[in-house]
């Protein structure tokens, strides 16, 4: 998988994932919703650390301008 998550997107994913984990594990929300926050909170963290989002790849999206520029240059040079 190529990198398709830009810097701002990564920071937003880190913030969102951390917030969900704090809400889930901190006892702010309990029951089923708390469990969902605990599970779903890891997804944005994993995609932020990996720098790649499978959903972005599925739809051909990218918020990473550096990789988008290099991939277009590679297509032109071939």
C-alpha atoms as a PDB file:
ATOM      1  CA  UNK A   1       0.000   0.000   0.000  1.00  0.00           C
ATOM      2  CA  UNK A   2       1.269   3.404  -0.871  1.00  0.00           C
ATOM      3  CA  UNK A   3       1.010   6.363   1.428  1.00  0.00           C
ATOM      4  CA  UNK A   4      -2.211   8.303   0.890  1.00  0.00           C
ATOM      5  CA  UNK A   5      -2.742  10.153   4.204  1.00  0.00           C
ATOM      6  CA  UNK A   6      -1.299  13.676   4.421  1.00  0.00           C
ATOM      7  CA  UNK A   7       0.103  15.448   7.469  1.00  0.00           C
ATOM      8  CA  UNK A   8      -3.040  17.359   8.479  1.00  0.00           C
ATOM      9  CA  UNK A   9      -5.152  14.261   7.922  1.00  0.00           C
ATOM     10  CA  UNK A  10      -2.787  12.244  10.135  1.00  0.00           C
ATOM     11  CA  UNK A  11      -3.018  14.773  12.976  1.00  0.00           C
ATOM     12  CA  UNK A  12      -6.828  14.789  12.734  1.00  0.00           C
ATOM     13  CA  UNK A  13      -6.885  10.996  12.815  1.00  0.00           C
ATOM     14  CA  UNK A  14      -4.586  10.944  15.843  1.00  0.00           C
ATOM     15  CA  UNK A  15      -6.815  13.440  17.655  1.00  0.00           C
ATOM     16  CA  UNK A  16     -10.031  11.617  16.762  1.00  0.00           C
ATOM     17  CA  UNK A  17      -8.678   8.190  17.698  1.00  0.00           C
ATOM     18  CA  UNK A  18      -7.252   9.442  20.977  1.00  0.00           C
ATOM     19  CA  UNK A  19     -10.515  11.191  21.846  1.00  0.00           C
ATOM     20  CA  UNK A  20     -12.534   8.045  21.145  1.00  0.00           C
ATOM     21  CA  UNK A  21     -10.228   5.914  23.273  1.00  0.00           C
ATOM     22  CA  UNK A  22     -10.377   8.416  26.137  1.00  0.00           C
ATOM     23  CA  UNK A  23     -14.169   8.447  25.957  1.00  0.00           C
ATOM     24  CA  UNK A  24     -14.345   4.643  25.825  1.00  0.00           C
ATOM     25  CA  UNK A  25     -11.705   3.724  28.373  1.00  0.00           C
ATOM     26  CA  UNK A  26     -12.229   6.772  30.601  1.00  0.00           C
ATOM     27  CA  UNK A  27     -15.760   5.748  31.447  1.00  0.00           C
ATOM     28  CA  UNK A  28     -17.322   8.860  29.919  1.00  0.00           C
ATOM     29  CA  UNK A  29     -19.629   6.582  27.946  1.00  0.00           C
ATOM     30  CA  UNK A  30     -20.446   3.097  29.131  1.00  0.00           C
ATOM     31  CA  UNK A  31     -22.201   0.036  27.847  1.00  0.00           C
ATOM     32  CA  UNK A  32     -22.359  -0.753  24.167  1.00  0.00           C
ATOM     33  CA  UNK A  33     -21.369   2.782  23.125  1.00  0.00           C
ATOM     34  CA  UNK A  34     -18.287   2.666  25.320  1.00  0.00           C
ATOM     35  CA  UNK A  35     -17.249  -0.630  23.772  1.00  0.00           C
ATOM     36  CA  UNK A  36     -17.783   0.795  20.286  1.00  0.00           C
ATOM     37  CA  UNK A  37     -15.609   3.815  21.100  1.00  0.00           C
ATOM     38  CA  UNK A  38     -12.901   1.461  22.380  1.00  0.00           C
ATOM     39  CA  UNK A  39     -12.941  -0.650  19.224  1.00  0.00           C
ATOM     40  CA  UNK A  40     -13.435   2.072  16.608  1.00  0.00           C
ATOM     41  CA  UNK A  41     -10.912   4.406  18.275  1.00  0.00           C
ATOM     42  CA  UNK A  42      -8.029   2.204  17.173  1.00  0.00           C
ATOM     43  CA  UNK A  43      -8.854   2.486  13.460  1.00  0.00           C
ATOM     44  CA  UNK A  44      -7.902   6.160  12.976  1.00  0.00           C
ATOM     45  CA  UNK A  45      -4.785   5.635  15.089  1.00  0.00           C
ATOM     46  CA  UNK A  46      -3.651   2.693  12.957  1.00  0.00           C
ATOM     47  CA  UNK A  47      -4.261   4.531   9.694  1.00  0.00           C
ATOM     48  CA  UNK A  48      -2.464   7.620  11.027  1.00  0.00           C
ATOM     49  CA  UNK A  49       0.613   5.635  12.067  1.00  0.00           C
ATOM     50  CA  UNK A  50       0.624   3.605   8.851  1.00  0.00           C
ATOM     51  CA  UNK A  51       0.102   6.675   6.672  1.00  0.00           C
ATOM     52  CA  UNK A  52      -2.283   4.709   4.520  1.00  0.00           C
ATOM     53  CA  UNK A  53      -6.061   4.391   4.564  1.00  0.00           C
ATOM     54  CA  UNK A  54      -7.645   1.353   2.860  1.00  0.00           C
ATOM     55  CA  UNK A  55     -10.867   3.276   2.167  1.00  0.00           C
ATOM     56  CA  UNK A  56      -8.889   6.046   0.441  1.00  0.00           C
ATOM     57  CA  UNK A  57      -7.164   3.372  -1.666  1.00  0.00           C
ATOM     58  CA  UNK A  58     -10.486   1.793  -2.569  1.00  0.00           C
ATOM     59  CA  UNK A  59     -11.819   5.086  -3.940  1.00  0.00           C
ATOM     60  CA  UNK A  60      -8.494   6.344  -5.329  1.00  0.00           C
ATOM     61  CA  UNK A  61      -8.275   9.279  -2.897  1.00  0.00           C
ATOM     62  CA  UNK A  62      -5.180  10.840  -1.365  1.00  0.00           C
ATOM     63  CA  UNK A  63      -4.514  13.742   0.987  1.00  0.00           C
ATOM     64  CA  UNK A  64      -0.771  13.316   0.657  1.00  0.00           C
ATOM     65  CA  UNK A  65       0.414  15.849  -1.941  1.00  0.00           C
ATOM     66  CA  UNK A  66       4.012  14.586  -2.034  1.00  0.00           C
ATOM     67  CA  UNK A  67       3.107  11.023  -2.961  1.00  0.00           C
ATOM     68  CA  UNK A  68       0.458  12.203  -5.425  1.00  0.00           C
ATOM     69  CA  UNK A  69       3.073  14.358  -7.178  1.00  0.00           C
ATOM     70  CA  UNK A  70       5.650  11.565  -7.307  1.00  0.00           C
ATOM     71  CA  UNK A  71       3.162   9.021  -8.566  1.00  0.00           C
ATOM     72  CA  UNK A  72       2.090  11.355 -11.382  1.00  0.00           C
ATOM     73  CA  UNK A  73       5.753  12.037 -12.245  1.00  0.00           C
ATOM     74  CA  UNK A  74       6.420   8.313 -12.342  1.00  0.00           C
ATOM     75  CA  UNK A  75       3.523   7.831 -14.753  1.00  0.00           C
ATOM     76  CA  UNK A  76       4.852  10.579 -17.027  1.00  0.00           C
ATOM     77  CA  UNK A  77       8.443   9.318 -17.031  1.00  0.00           C
ATOM     78  CA  UNK A  78       7.516   5.731 -17.909  1.00  0.00           C
END
